[in-house]
Amino acid sequence: MAEAPSLRARLRALPVFPKELPRFDTDAAPAEPLPLLVEWLELAIAESVLQPHAMSLATASSEGRPANRTLLLKDVDADAVWFASLDSGPKGGDLAQNARVALVLYWREQGRQVRIEGTVEPGPRDISEHDFLERSPGARARAIAGRQSEPVEDFAAHLAEGQKVIDSDPEFVPDSWVAYRVIPTTVEFWQAERERDQVRLRYQRRPSGWVRDILWP
């Protein structure tokens, strides 16, 4: 009997991208990165990419301890990329200690990736409140009920207490819920391409404005 292929060999043999991939005309890219990010997001949504707003967020504590997790992109405006979370959990602790973060959006169906490095800051309180109230009642109750990332003790009882708060005051927003904005300093757009393997366009913020570079694969 032939020996089964190793996990390494099976991983190596897996298909990576679909046959049809979007073209990336770097010469037509705008002078600043966030309009291009919105353009790529709009195309991902139009082409039914699964969870196009899923975004990884990498943080580090003041001691340099790294952490990474996936959350949802909430908005992109002229200056920033937005996400929201409790500031009372490990993520919020890292952000309070070290404002430098890295983000990644990856759309496998299109062979596209966007990497963002920048600094994070809390957004205006009214935006945090609006974001929280857009969540489902169950999601709001869970956010109120527990301590993020801590061991669960009597989940049902804590959830019931959170639900009582929502039922008694449907407009309640915990002070710990924060809409964060990431001000980018570096944004890289990565496109898989069969002819050239991959295309990479990097924007870097300089005192005089954004500088663009094409990077080697």
N, C-alpha and C. Protein backbone atom coordinates (compact mmCIF):
# COMPACT_ATOMS: atom_id res chain seq x y z
N MET A 1 0.85 -1.20 0.00
CA MET A 1 0.00 0.00 0.00
C MET A 1 0.88 1.25 0.00
N ALA A 2 0.55 2.16 -0.87
CA ALA A 2 1.34 3.39 -0.97
C ALA A 2 1.17 4.24 0.29
N GLU A 3 2.24 4.87 0.66
CA GLU A 3 2.19 5.73 1.85
C GLU A 3 1.34 6.97 1.57
N ALA A 4 0.50 7.31 2.52
CA ALA A 4 -0.36 8.48 2.34
C ALA A 4 0.49 9.74 2.28
N PRO A 5 0.09 10.70 1.45
CA PRO A 5 0.85 11.96 1.38
C PRO A 5 0.89 12.65 2.75
N SER A 6 1.97 13.33 3.02
CA SER A 6 2.10 14.05 4.28
C SER A 6 1.16 15.25 4.29
N LEU A 7 0.92 15.75 5.47
CA LEU A 7 0.11 16.96 5.58
C LEU A 7 0.75 18.09 4.80
N ARG A 8 2.07 18.20 4.86
CA ARG A 8 2.77 19.24 4.12
C ARG A 8 2.49 19.13 2.62
N ALA A 9 2.53 17.90 2.10
CA ALA A 9 2.30 17.70 0.67
C ALA A 9 0.86 18.02 0.30
N ARG A 10 -0.08 17.64 1.15
CA ARG A 10 -1.49 17.92 0.87
C ARG A 10 -1.77 19.42 0.92
N LEU A 11 -1.14 20.11 1.87
CA LEU A 11 -1.31 21.57 1.92
C LEU A 11 -0.73 22.22 0.67
N ARG A 12 0.43 21.73 0.25
CA ARG A 12 1.08 22.29 -0.93
C ARG A 12 0.23 22.12 -2.18
N ALA A 13 -0.55 21.03 -2.23
CA ALA A 13 -1.33 20.71 -3.43
C ALA A 13 -2.67 21.42 -3.49
N LEU A 14 -3.06 22.07 -2.42
CA LEU A 14 -4.38 22.70 -2.40
C LEU A 14 -4.45 23.86 -3.40
N PRO A 15 -5.59 24.03 -4.09
CA PRO A 15 -5.74 25.21 -4.94
C PRO A 15 -5.80 26.47 -4.09
N VAL A 16 -5.26 27.55 -4.62
CA VAL A 16 -5.16 28.77 -3.83
C VAL A 16 -6.23 29.78 -4.22
N PHE A 17 -6.32 30.12 -5.50
CA PHE A 17 -7.25 31.14 -5.95
C PHE A 17 -8.09 30.62 -7.11
N PRO A 18 -9.26 31.22 -7.33
CA PRO A 18 -10.08 30.83 -8.49
C PRO A 18 -9.39 31.20 -9.79
N LYS A 19 -9.92 30.66 -10.89
CA LYS A 19 -9.28 30.90 -12.19
C LYS A 19 -9.39 32.36 -12.61
N GLU A 20 -10.53 32.98 -12.29
CA GLU A 20 -10.74 34.37 -12.70
C GLU A 20 -10.44 35.29 -11.53
N LEU A 21 -9.57 36.25 -11.75
CA LEU A 21 -9.19 37.20 -10.71
C LEU A 21 -9.37 38.63 -11.23
N PRO A 22 -9.71 39.57 -10.35
CA PRO A 22 -9.82 40.96 -10.79
C PRO A 22 -8.47 41.49 -11.25
N ARG A 23 -8.50 42.43 -12.14
CA ARG A 23 -7.28 43.12 -12.55
C ARG A 23 -7.03 44.30 -11.61
N PHE A 24 -5.77 44.60 -11.39
CA PHE A 24 -5.40 45.72 -10.53
C PHE A 24 -4.51 46.66 -11.32
N ASP A 25 -5.09 47.74 -11.80
CA ASP A 25 -4.35 48.74 -12.56
C ASP A 25 -3.78 49.76 -11.58
N THR A 26 -2.55 49.56 -11.19
CA THR A 26 -1.94 50.45 -10.19
C THR A 26 -1.78 51.87 -10.72
N ASP A 27 -1.65 52.03 -12.04
CA ASP A 27 -1.51 53.38 -12.61
C ASP A 27 -2.77 54.20 -12.41
N ALA A 28 -3.92 53.52 -12.29
CA ALA A 28 -5.19 54.22 -12.12
C ALA A 28 -5.56 54.40 -10.65
N ALA A 29 -4.71 53.93 -9.74
CA ALA A 29 -5.02 54.03 -8.32
C ALA A 29 -5.03 55.49 -7.87
N PRO A 30 -5.91 55.84 -6.93
CA PRO A 30 -6.00 57.23 -6.47
C PRO A 30 -4.77 57.65 -5.69
N ALA A 31 -4.67 58.93 -5.42
CA ALA A 31 -3.51 59.47 -4.72
C ALA A 31 -3.48 59.08 -3.25
N GLU A 32 -4.63 58.75 -2.67
CA GLU A 32 -4.72 58.37 -1.26
C GLU A 32 -5.34 56.97 -1.16
N PRO A 33 -5.02 56.24 -0.08
CA PRO A 33 -5.42 54.83 -0.04
C PRO A 33 -6.88 54.54 0.33
N LEU A 34 -7.49 55.34 1.17
CA LEU A 34 -8.81 54.96 1.66
C LEU A 34 -9.89 54.96 0.58
N PRO A 35 -9.85 55.85 -0.40
CA PRO A 35 -10.81 55.70 -1.50
C PRO A 35 -10.65 54.38 -2.25
N LEU A 36 -9.42 53.90 -2.39
CA LEU A 36 -9.20 52.62 -3.05
C LEU A 36 -9.71 51.47 -2.17
N LEU A 37 -9.55 51.59 -0.87
CA LEU A 37 -10.10 50.59 0.04
C LEU A 37 -11.62 50.50 -0.11
N VAL A 38 -12.28 51.63 -0.17
CA VAL A 38 -13.74 51.64 -0.36
C VAL A 38 -14.10 51.01 -1.70
N GLU A 39 -13.33 51.31 -2.74
CA GLU A 39 -13.60 50.73 -4.06
C GLU A 39 -13.49 49.21 -4.02
N TRP A 40 -12.46 48.69 -3.36
CA TRP A 40 -12.30 47.24 -3.26
C TRP A 40 -13.41 46.62 -2.41
N LEU A 41 -13.79 47.29 -1.35
CA LEU A 41 -14.89 46.80 -0.53
C LEU A 41 -16.20 46.74 -1.32
N GLU A 42 -16.46 47.78 -2.06
CA GLU A 42 -17.70 47.82 -2.85
C GLU A 42 -17.73 46.68 -3.86
N LEU A 43 -16.58 46.38 -4.48
CA LEU A 43 -16.54 45.29 -5.44
C LEU A 43 -16.72 43.94 -4.74
N ALA A 44 -16.10 43.80 -3.57
CA ALA A 44 -16.25 42.55 -2.81
C ALA A 44 -17.71 42.32 -2.43
N ILE A 45 -18.39 43.37 -2.01
CA ILE A 45 -19.81 43.26 -1.66
C ILE A 45 -20.63 42.92 -2.91
N ALA A 46 -20.36 43.61 -4.01
CA ALA A 46 -21.12 43.39 -5.25
C ALA A 46 -20.94 41.97 -5.76
N GLU A 47 -19.77 41.38 -5.54
CA GLU A 47 -19.49 40.03 -6.04
C GLU A 47 -19.75 38.97 -4.98
N SER A 48 -20.44 39.34 -3.91
CA SER A 48 -20.88 38.39 -2.87
C SER A 48 -19.72 37.64 -2.22
N VAL A 49 -18.62 38.33 -2.00
CA VAL A 49 -17.52 37.74 -1.23
C VAL A 49 -18.04 37.47 0.18
N LEU A 50 -17.71 36.30 0.72
CA LEU A 50 -18.18 35.93 2.04
C LEU A 50 -17.50 36.80 3.11
N GLN A 51 -18.30 37.44 3.94
CA GLN A 51 -17.82 38.31 5.03
C GLN A 51 -16.73 39.28 4.56
N PRO A 52 -17.04 40.15 3.62
CA PRO A 52 -16.02 41.09 3.14
C PRO A 52 -15.58 42.08 4.19
N HIS A 53 -16.35 42.22 5.27
CA HIS A 53 -16.00 43.15 6.33
C HIS A 53 -15.27 42.49 7.49
N ALA A 54 -14.95 41.19 7.37
CA ALA A 54 -14.16 40.53 8.41
C ALA A 54 -12.73 41.05 8.34
N MET A 55 -12.18 41.43 9.48
CA MET A 55 -10.90 42.11 9.52
C MET A 55 -10.11 41.65 10.74
N SER A 56 -8.86 41.29 10.54
CA SER A 56 -8.03 40.93 11.68
C SER A 56 -7.41 42.19 12.27
N LEU A 57 -7.32 42.21 13.58
CA LEU A 57 -6.73 43.33 14.31
C LEU A 57 -5.59 42.81 15.17
N ALA A 58 -4.40 43.27 14.92
CA ALA A 58 -3.23 42.90 15.73
C ALA A 58 -2.87 44.05 16.66
N THR A 59 -2.70 43.71 17.93
CA THR A 59 -2.31 44.69 18.94
C THR A 59 -1.10 44.16 19.69
N ALA A 60 -0.52 45.00 20.51
CA ALA A 60 0.57 44.59 21.39
C ALA A 60 0.47 45.38 22.68
N SER A 61 0.80 44.72 23.78
CA SER A 61 0.81 45.40 25.07
C SER A 61 2.03 46.30 25.18
N SER A 62 2.12 47.04 26.26
CA SER A 62 3.29 47.90 26.47
C SER A 62 4.57 47.08 26.61
N GLU A 63 4.43 45.78 27.00
CA GLU A 63 5.60 44.91 27.10
C GLU A 63 5.93 44.23 25.78
N GLY A 64 5.13 44.50 24.74
CA GLY A 64 5.38 43.90 23.44
C GLY A 64 4.71 42.56 23.23
N ARG A 65 3.80 42.16 24.11
CA ARG A 65 3.09 40.89 23.95
C ARG A 65 2.06 41.03 22.84
N PRO A 66 2.19 40.28 21.73
CA PRO A 66 1.26 40.45 20.61
C PRO A 66 -0.03 39.67 20.81
N ALA A 67 -1.07 40.15 20.15
CA ALA A 67 -2.36 39.44 20.13
C ALA A 67 -3.03 39.77 18.81
N ASN A 68 -3.83 38.81 18.33
CA ASN A 68 -4.52 39.01 17.06
C ASN A 68 -5.90 38.37 17.16
N ARG A 69 -6.87 38.98 16.49
CA ARG A 69 -8.23 38.45 16.47
C ARG A 69 -8.95 39.02 15.25
N THR A 70 -10.05 38.36 14.90
CA THR A 70 -10.86 38.83 13.77
C THR A 70 -12.11 39.50 14.30
N LEU A 71 -12.42 40.66 13.77
CA LEU A 71 -13.63 41.40 14.12
C LEU A 71 -14.20 42.01 12.85
N LEU A 72 -15.19 42.88 13.01
CA LEU A 72 -15.86 43.44 11.84
C LEU A 72 -15.48 44.89 11.60
N LEU A 73 -15.16 45.18 10.37
CA LEU A 73 -14.99 46.56 9.93
C LEU A 73 -16.34 47.26 9.99
N LYS A 74 -16.39 48.43 10.63
CA LYS A 74 -17.66 49.14 10.79
C LYS A 74 -17.85 50.28 9.81
N ASP A 75 -16.76 50.90 9.38
CA ASP A 75 -16.91 52.03 8.46
C ASP A 75 -15.53 52.44 7.96
N VAL A 76 -15.53 53.17 6.85
CA VAL A 76 -14.33 53.82 6.32
C VAL A 76 -14.73 55.23 5.95
N ASP A 77 -14.07 56.22 6.52
CA ASP A 77 -14.36 57.60 6.13
C ASP A 77 -13.12 58.21 5.48
N ALA A 78 -13.08 59.50 5.36
CA ALA A 78 -11.99 60.14 4.64
C ALA A 78 -10.65 60.00 5.36
N ASP A 79 -10.67 59.75 6.67
CA ASP A 79 -9.44 59.75 7.44
C ASP A 79 -9.14 58.46 8.16
N ALA A 80 -10.12 57.58 8.34
CA ALA A 80 -9.93 56.47 9.27
C ALA A 80 -10.73 55.24 8.88
N VAL A 81 -10.31 54.11 9.46
CA VAL A 81 -11.00 52.84 9.40
C VAL A 81 -11.55 52.57 10.80
N TRP A 82 -12.81 52.10 10.89
CA TRP A 82 -13.49 52.01 12.18
C TRP A 82 -13.79 50.57 12.58
N PHE A 83 -13.68 50.29 13.87
CA PHE A 83 -14.21 49.07 14.47
C PHE A 83 -14.71 49.43 15.85
N ALA A 84 -15.40 48.51 16.51
CA ALA A 84 -15.97 48.79 17.83
C ALA A 84 -15.75 47.61 18.76
N SER A 85 -15.61 47.91 20.05
CA SER A 85 -15.39 46.85 21.03
C SER A 85 -15.52 47.43 22.43
N LEU A 86 -15.58 46.53 23.41
CA LEU A 86 -15.48 46.95 24.81
C LEU A 86 -14.05 47.35 25.12
N ASP A 87 -13.88 48.42 25.86
CA ASP A 87 -12.53 48.81 26.25
C ASP A 87 -12.09 48.14 27.54
N SER A 88 -12.95 47.31 28.11
CA SER A 88 -12.66 46.68 29.39
C SER A 88 -12.01 45.31 29.25
N GLY A 89 -11.91 44.77 28.03
CA GLY A 89 -11.31 43.47 27.81
C GLY A 89 -9.84 43.57 27.45
N PRO A 90 -9.21 42.43 27.13
CA PRO A 90 -7.79 42.43 26.77
C PRO A 90 -7.47 43.32 25.58
N LYS A 91 -8.35 43.33 24.59
CA LYS A 91 -8.14 44.18 23.42
C LYS A 91 -8.08 45.65 23.82
N GLY A 92 -9.07 46.06 24.63
CA GLY A 92 -9.10 47.45 25.08
C GLY A 92 -7.89 47.79 25.93
N GLY A 93 -7.42 46.82 26.73
CA GLY A 93 -6.22 47.05 27.53
C GLY A 93 -5.00 47.28 26.67
N ASP A 94 -4.86 46.45 25.62
CA ASP A 94 -3.73 46.66 24.71
C ASP A 94 -3.80 48.03 24.04
N LEU A 95 -4.99 48.39 23.58
CA LEU A 95 -5.13 49.67 22.87
C LEU A 95 -4.84 50.86 23.78
N ALA A 96 -5.17 50.73 25.06
CA ALA A 96 -4.87 51.81 26.00
C ALA A 96 -3.38 51.93 26.26
N GLN A 97 -2.66 50.81 26.20
CA GLN A 97 -1.22 50.82 26.47
C GLN A 97 -0.39 51.18 25.25
N ASN A 98 -0.87 50.74 24.08
CA ASN A 98 -0.09 50.88 22.85
C ASN A 98 -1.05 51.16 21.71
N ALA A 99 -1.03 52.37 21.20
CA ALA A 99 -2.01 52.79 20.20
C ALA A 99 -1.68 52.33 18.78
N ARG A 100 -0.53 51.67 18.60
CA ARG A 100 -0.15 51.22 17.26
C ARG A 100 -0.78 49.85 16.99
N VAL A 101 -1.44 49.73 15.84
CA VAL A 101 -2.15 48.50 15.49
C VAL A 101 -1.87 48.15 14.03
N ALA A 102 -2.23 46.91 13.68
CA ALA A 102 -2.17 46.46 12.28
C ALA A 102 -3.48 45.75 11.96
N LEU A 103 -3.98 45.98 10.76
CA LEU A 103 -5.24 45.39 10.30
C LEU A 103 -4.98 44.63 9.00
N VAL A 104 -5.77 43.57 8.78
CA VAL A 104 -5.74 42.86 7.50
C VAL A 104 -7.15 42.51 7.09
N LEU A 105 -7.50 42.85 5.85
CA LEU A 105 -8.72 42.37 5.21
C LEU A 105 -8.29 41.44 4.08
N TYR A 106 -8.94 40.27 3.97
CA TYR A 106 -8.54 39.27 2.99
C TYR A 106 -9.78 38.74 2.29
N TRP A 107 -9.79 38.85 0.97
CA TRP A 107 -10.90 38.37 0.16
C TRP A 107 -10.38 37.26 -0.75
N ARG A 108 -10.49 36.02 -0.27
CA ARG A 108 -9.89 34.89 -0.99
C ARG A 108 -10.54 34.67 -2.34
N GLU A 109 -11.86 34.97 -2.44
CA GLU A 109 -12.53 34.76 -3.72
C GLU A 109 -11.97 35.66 -4.82
N GLN A 110 -11.33 36.74 -4.44
CA GLN A 110 -10.78 37.68 -5.42
C GLN A 110 -9.25 37.72 -5.39
N GLY A 111 -8.63 36.94 -4.52
CA GLY A 111 -7.18 36.97 -4.41
C GLY A 111 -6.66 38.33 -3.99
N ARG A 112 -7.37 38.95 -3.05
CA ARG A 112 -7.02 40.31 -2.63
C ARG A 112 -6.81 40.39 -1.12
N GLN A 113 -5.90 41.27 -0.76
CA GLN A 113 -5.61 41.52 0.65
C GLN A 113 -5.24 42.99 0.81
N VAL A 114 -5.68 43.57 1.92
CA VAL A 114 -5.29 44.94 2.27
C VAL A 114 -4.70 44.90 3.67
N ARG A 115 -3.48 45.41 3.80
CA ARG A 115 -2.81 45.52 5.09
C ARG A 115 -2.74 46.98 5.49
N ILE A 116 -3.09 47.26 6.74
CA ILE A 116 -3.11 48.64 7.23
C ILE A 116 -2.33 48.70 8.54
N GLU A 117 -1.43 49.65 8.65
CA GLU A 117 -0.76 49.95 9.92
C GLU A 117 -1.11 51.39 10.29
N GLY A 118 -1.31 51.62 11.58
CA GLY A 118 -1.66 52.97 12.00
C GLY A 118 -1.82 53.09 13.49
N THR A 119 -2.39 54.19 13.90
CA THR A 119 -2.64 54.45 15.32
C THR A 119 -4.14 54.53 15.56
N VAL A 120 -4.54 54.05 16.74
CA VAL A 120 -5.95 53.97 17.06
C VAL A 120 -6.32 55.02 18.10
N GLU A 121 -7.54 55.52 18.02
CA GLU A 121 -8.04 56.45 19.01
C GLU A 121 -9.55 56.26 19.14
N PRO A 122 -10.12 56.53 20.33
CA PRO A 122 -11.57 56.43 20.47
C PRO A 122 -12.27 57.49 19.63
N GLY A 123 -13.36 57.10 19.00
CA GLY A 123 -14.15 58.05 18.26
C GLY A 123 -15.09 58.82 19.17
N PRO A 124 -15.87 59.74 18.64
CA PRO A 124 -16.83 60.50 19.44
C PRO A 124 -17.82 59.58 20.14
N ARG A 125 -18.26 60.00 21.32
CA ARG A 125 -19.15 59.15 22.12
C ARG A 125 -20.46 58.85 21.40
N ASP A 126 -20.99 59.82 20.65
CA ASP A 126 -22.27 59.58 20.00
C ASP A 126 -22.17 58.48 18.95
N ILE A 127 -21.01 58.32 18.32
CA ILE A 127 -20.84 57.25 17.35
C ILE A 127 -20.77 55.90 18.06
N SER A 128 -20.09 55.85 19.21
CA SER A 128 -20.05 54.62 20.00
C SER A 128 -21.45 54.20 20.41
N GLU A 129 -22.24 55.16 20.86
CA GLU A 129 -23.61 54.85 21.28
C GLU A 129 -24.45 54.36 20.11
N HIS A 130 -24.33 55.03 18.98
CA HIS A 130 -25.10 54.63 17.81
C HIS A 130 -24.72 53.22 17.38
N ASP A 131 -23.42 52.92 17.40
CA ASP A 131 -22.96 51.60 17.00
C ASP A 131 -23.53 50.53 17.92
N PHE A 132 -23.51 50.77 19.23
CA PHE A 132 -24.01 49.76 20.17
C PHE A 132 -25.50 49.52 19.97
N LEU A 133 -26.25 50.59 19.76
CA LEU A 133 -27.70 50.44 19.63
C LEU A 133 -28.11 49.80 18.31
N GLU A 134 -27.20 49.74 17.35
CA GLU A 134 -27.47 49.03 16.10
C GLU A 134 -27.34 47.52 16.27
N ARG A 135 -26.71 47.06 17.34
CA ARG A 135 -26.57 45.64 17.59
C ARG A 135 -27.92 45.04 17.99
N SER A 136 -28.05 43.74 17.79
CA SER A 136 -29.29 43.07 18.18
C SER A 136 -29.44 43.10 19.70
N PRO A 137 -30.66 43.01 20.23
CA PRO A 137 -30.84 42.99 21.68
C PRO A 137 -30.02 41.90 22.37
N GLY A 138 -29.94 40.72 21.74
CA GLY A 138 -29.16 39.65 22.33
C GLY A 138 -27.68 39.97 22.40
N ALA A 139 -27.15 40.58 21.34
CA ALA A 139 -25.74 40.96 21.34
C ALA A 139 -25.46 42.04 22.38
N ARG A 140 -26.39 42.97 22.52
CA ARG A 140 -26.22 44.00 23.56
C ARG A 140 -26.25 43.39 24.95
N ALA A 141 -27.17 42.46 25.17
CA ALA A 141 -27.27 41.81 26.48
C ALA A 141 -25.99 41.06 26.81
N ARG A 142 -25.42 40.37 25.84
CA ARG A 142 -24.17 39.63 26.08
C ARG A 142 -23.03 40.58 26.39
N ALA A 143 -22.98 41.72 25.70
CA ALA A 143 -21.91 42.69 25.96
C ALA A 143 -22.01 43.26 27.36
N ILE A 144 -23.23 43.45 27.83
CA ILE A 144 -23.44 43.99 29.18
C ILE A 144 -23.20 42.94 30.24
N ALA A 145 -23.53 41.68 29.93
CA ALA A 145 -23.61 40.63 30.95
C ALA A 145 -22.26 40.18 31.48
N GLY A 146 -21.28 40.00 30.61
CA GLY A 146 -20.06 39.33 31.04
C GLY A 146 -18.83 40.20 30.97
N ARG A 147 -17.73 39.64 31.42
CA ARG A 147 -16.42 40.28 31.33
C ARG A 147 -15.68 39.64 30.17
N GLN A 148 -15.39 40.42 29.16
CA GLN A 148 -14.86 39.89 27.90
C GLN A 148 -13.59 39.08 28.13
N SER A 149 -13.59 37.86 27.56
CA SER A 149 -12.45 36.94 27.56
C SER A 149 -12.13 36.34 28.92
N GLU A 150 -12.98 36.54 29.92
CA GLU A 150 -12.78 35.90 31.21
C GLU A 150 -13.60 34.60 31.27
N PRO A 151 -13.22 33.65 32.14
CA PRO A 151 -13.96 32.39 32.23
C PRO A 151 -15.44 32.64 32.53
N VAL A 152 -16.29 31.80 31.94
CA VAL A 152 -17.73 31.92 32.11
C VAL A 152 -18.16 31.25 33.41
N GLU A 153 -18.91 31.98 34.21
CA GLU A 153 -19.52 31.42 35.42
C GLU A 153 -21.01 31.74 35.38
N ASP A 154 -21.83 30.70 35.32
CA ASP A 154 -23.29 30.85 35.28
C ASP A 154 -23.71 31.80 34.16
N PHE A 155 -23.42 31.37 32.95
CA PHE A 155 -23.69 32.20 31.77
C PHE A 155 -25.15 32.64 31.71
N ALA A 156 -26.06 31.69 31.95
CA ALA A 156 -27.48 32.00 31.82
C ALA A 156 -27.91 33.10 32.78
N ALA A 157 -27.41 33.04 34.02
CA ALA A 157 -27.79 34.05 35.01
C ALA A 157 -27.26 35.42 34.62
N HIS A 158 -26.01 35.48 34.17
CA HIS A 158 -25.44 36.77 33.77
C HIS A 158 -26.16 37.33 32.55
N LEU A 159 -26.48 36.44 31.60
CA LEU A 159 -27.17 36.91 30.41
C LEU A 159 -28.56 37.43 30.77
N ALA A 160 -29.21 36.77 31.70
CA ALA A 160 -30.53 37.24 32.14
C ALA A 160 -30.44 38.63 32.75
N GLU A 161 -29.38 38.88 33.51
CA GLU A 161 -29.20 40.21 34.10
C GLU A 161 -28.97 41.26 33.02
N GLY A 162 -28.17 40.89 32.02
CA GLY A 162 -27.96 41.83 30.91
C GLY A 162 -29.24 42.11 30.15
N GLN A 163 -30.05 41.07 29.97
CA GLN A 163 -31.32 41.24 29.27
C GLN A 163 -32.27 42.14 30.05
N LYS A 164 -32.24 42.04 31.38
CA LYS A 164 -33.07 42.91 32.21
C LYS A 164 -32.72 44.38 31.99
N VAL A 165 -31.43 44.65 31.87
CA VAL A 165 -31.00 46.03 31.62
C VAL A 165 -31.56 46.52 30.29
N ILE A 166 -31.46 45.69 29.26
CA ILE A 166 -31.95 46.08 27.93
C ILE A 166 -33.47 46.26 27.96
N ASP A 167 -34.16 45.37 28.65
CA ASP A 167 -35.61 45.45 28.70
C ASP A 167 -36.08 46.71 29.43
N SER A 168 -35.37 47.08 30.49
CA SER A 168 -35.78 48.25 31.28
C SER A 168 -35.37 49.56 30.62
N ASP A 169 -34.30 49.52 29.83
CA ASP A 169 -33.83 50.74 29.16
C ASP A 169 -33.27 50.37 27.80
N PRO A 170 -34.11 50.32 26.76
CA PRO A 170 -33.66 49.92 25.43
C PRO A 170 -32.57 50.81 24.84
N GLU A 171 -32.39 52.00 25.39
CA GLU A 171 -31.37 52.93 24.89
C GLU A 171 -30.08 52.88 25.71
N PHE A 172 -29.99 51.92 26.63
CA PHE A 172 -28.80 51.85 27.48
C PHE A 172 -27.57 51.46 26.66
N VAL A 173 -26.47 52.19 26.91
CA VAL A 173 -25.18 51.88 26.29
C VAL A 173 -24.12 51.89 27.39
N PRO A 174 -23.37 50.80 27.57
CA PRO A 174 -22.33 50.80 28.61
C PRO A 174 -21.21 51.79 28.26
N ASP A 175 -20.66 52.40 29.30
CA ASP A 175 -19.56 53.34 29.07
C ASP A 175 -18.36 52.67 28.42
N SER A 176 -18.25 51.36 28.59
CA SER A 176 -17.08 50.64 28.09
C SER A 176 -17.16 50.32 26.60
N TRP A 177 -18.32 50.60 25.97
CA TRP A 177 -18.43 50.33 24.53
C TRP A 177 -17.85 51.50 23.75
N VAL A 178 -16.86 51.21 22.90
CA VAL A 178 -16.12 52.26 22.21
C VAL A 178 -16.06 51.98 20.71
N ALA A 179 -16.36 52.98 19.92
CA ALA A 179 -16.09 52.92 18.49
C ALA A 179 -14.69 53.51 18.28
N TYR A 180 -13.79 52.68 17.79
CA TYR A 180 -12.40 53.09 17.59
C TYR A 180 -12.16 53.46 16.13
N ARG A 181 -11.31 54.45 15.93
CA ARG A 181 -10.91 54.82 14.57
C ARG A 181 -9.40 54.61 14.43
N VAL A 182 -9.00 53.96 13.36
CA VAL A 182 -7.60 53.72 13.07
C VAL A 182 -7.15 54.72 12.00
N ILE A 183 -6.20 55.55 12.35
CA ILE A 183 -5.63 56.52 11.42
C ILE A 183 -4.45 55.86 10.72
N PRO A 184 -4.55 55.55 9.44
CA PRO A 184 -3.49 54.77 8.80
C PRO A 184 -2.23 55.57 8.54
N THR A 185 -1.09 54.89 8.69
CA THR A 185 0.20 55.46 8.30
C THR A 185 0.78 54.70 7.10
N THR A 186 0.40 53.43 6.97
CA THR A 186 0.82 52.60 5.83
C THR A 186 -0.36 51.74 5.40
N VAL A 187 -0.62 51.69 4.10
CA VAL A 187 -1.68 50.82 3.57
C VAL A 187 -1.11 50.12 2.34
N GLU A 188 -1.20 48.78 2.34
CA GLU A 188 -0.71 48.01 1.20
C GLU A 188 -1.85 47.21 0.57
N PHE A 189 -2.00 47.33 -0.73
CA PHE A 189 -2.99 46.58 -1.50
C PHE A 189 -2.27 45.46 -2.25
N TRP A 190 -2.77 44.25 -2.07
CA TRP A 190 -2.12 43.05 -2.62
C TRP A 190 -3.12 42.32 -3.50
N GLN A 191 -2.73 42.06 -4.73
CA GLN A 191 -3.61 41.38 -5.68
C GLN A 191 -2.87 40.18 -6.29
N ALA A 192 -3.44 38.98 -6.12
CA ALA A 192 -2.90 37.82 -6.82
C ALA A 192 -3.15 37.98 -8.31
N GLU A 193 -2.15 37.59 -9.11
CA GLU A 193 -2.26 37.75 -10.56
C GLU A 193 -1.47 36.64 -11.22
N ARG A 194 -2.08 35.92 -12.14
CA ARG A 194 -1.44 34.74 -12.70
C ARG A 194 -0.22 35.08 -13.54
N GLU A 195 -0.24 36.20 -14.24
CA GLU A 195 0.90 36.54 -15.10
C GLU A 195 2.13 36.94 -14.29
N ARG A 196 1.91 37.69 -13.21
CA ARG A 196 3.05 38.22 -12.44
C ARG A 196 3.08 37.70 -11.00
N ASP A 197 2.29 36.69 -10.69
CA ASP A 197 2.21 36.11 -9.37
C ASP A 197 1.43 36.99 -8.41
N GLN A 198 1.86 38.22 -8.21
CA GLN A 198 1.14 39.14 -7.34
C GLN A 198 1.55 40.57 -7.62
N VAL A 199 0.65 41.49 -7.32
CA VAL A 199 0.91 42.92 -7.48
C VAL A 199 0.73 43.57 -6.11
N ARG A 200 1.68 44.38 -5.71
CA ARG A 200 1.63 45.03 -4.40
C ARG A 200 1.82 46.54 -4.57
N LEU A 201 0.86 47.28 -4.06
CA LEU A 201 0.92 48.74 -4.09
C LEU A 201 0.87 49.24 -2.65
N ARG A 202 1.91 49.96 -2.24
CA ARG A 202 1.98 50.46 -0.87
C ARG A 202 1.88 51.98 -0.83
N TYR A 203 1.02 52.44 0.08
CA TYR A 203 0.93 53.87 0.38
C TYR A 203 1.57 54.11 1.75
N GLN A 204 2.42 55.13 1.84
CA GLN A 204 3.00 55.53 3.12
C GLN A 204 2.75 57.01 3.35
N ARG A 205 2.31 57.33 4.56
CA ARG A 205 2.03 58.72 4.88
C ARG A 205 3.34 59.45 5.20
N ARG A 206 3.55 60.58 4.55
CA ARG A 206 4.71 61.44 4.80
C ARG A 206 4.20 62.83 5.20
N PRO A 207 5.05 63.67 5.79
CA PRO A 207 4.59 65.03 6.14
C PRO A 207 4.01 65.79 4.95
N SER A 208 4.50 65.47 3.76
CA SER A 208 4.03 66.17 2.56
C SER A 208 2.80 65.50 1.93
N GLY A 209 2.40 64.34 2.45
CA GLY A 209 1.26 63.62 1.88
C GLY A 209 1.59 62.15 1.69
N TRP A 210 0.75 61.46 0.93
CA TRP A 210 0.92 60.03 0.69
C TRP A 210 1.91 59.78 -0.43
N VAL A 211 2.79 58.79 -0.22
CA VAL A 211 3.76 58.35 -1.23
C VAL A 211 3.41 56.93 -1.63
N ARG A 212 3.41 56.64 -2.93
CA ARG A 212 3.04 55.31 -3.43
C ARG A 212 4.28 54.60 -3.98
N ASP A 213 4.34 53.28 -3.73
CA ASP A 213 5.41 52.46 -4.27
C ASP A 213 4.85 51.12 -4.73
N ILE A 214 5.37 50.61 -5.84
CA ILE A 214 5.12 49.24 -6.25
C ILE A 214 6.20 48.37 -5.61
N LEU A 215 5.79 47.30 -4.93
CA LEU A 215 6.73 46.46 -4.20
C LEU A 215 7.00 45.16 -4.94
N TRP A 216 8.18 44.64 -4.76
CA TRP A 216 8.48 43.30 -5.28
C TRP A 216 7.58 42.28 -4.58
N PRO A 217 7.19 41.21 -5.29
CA PRO A 217 6.37 40.16 -4.67
C PRO A 217 7.10 39.54 -3.47
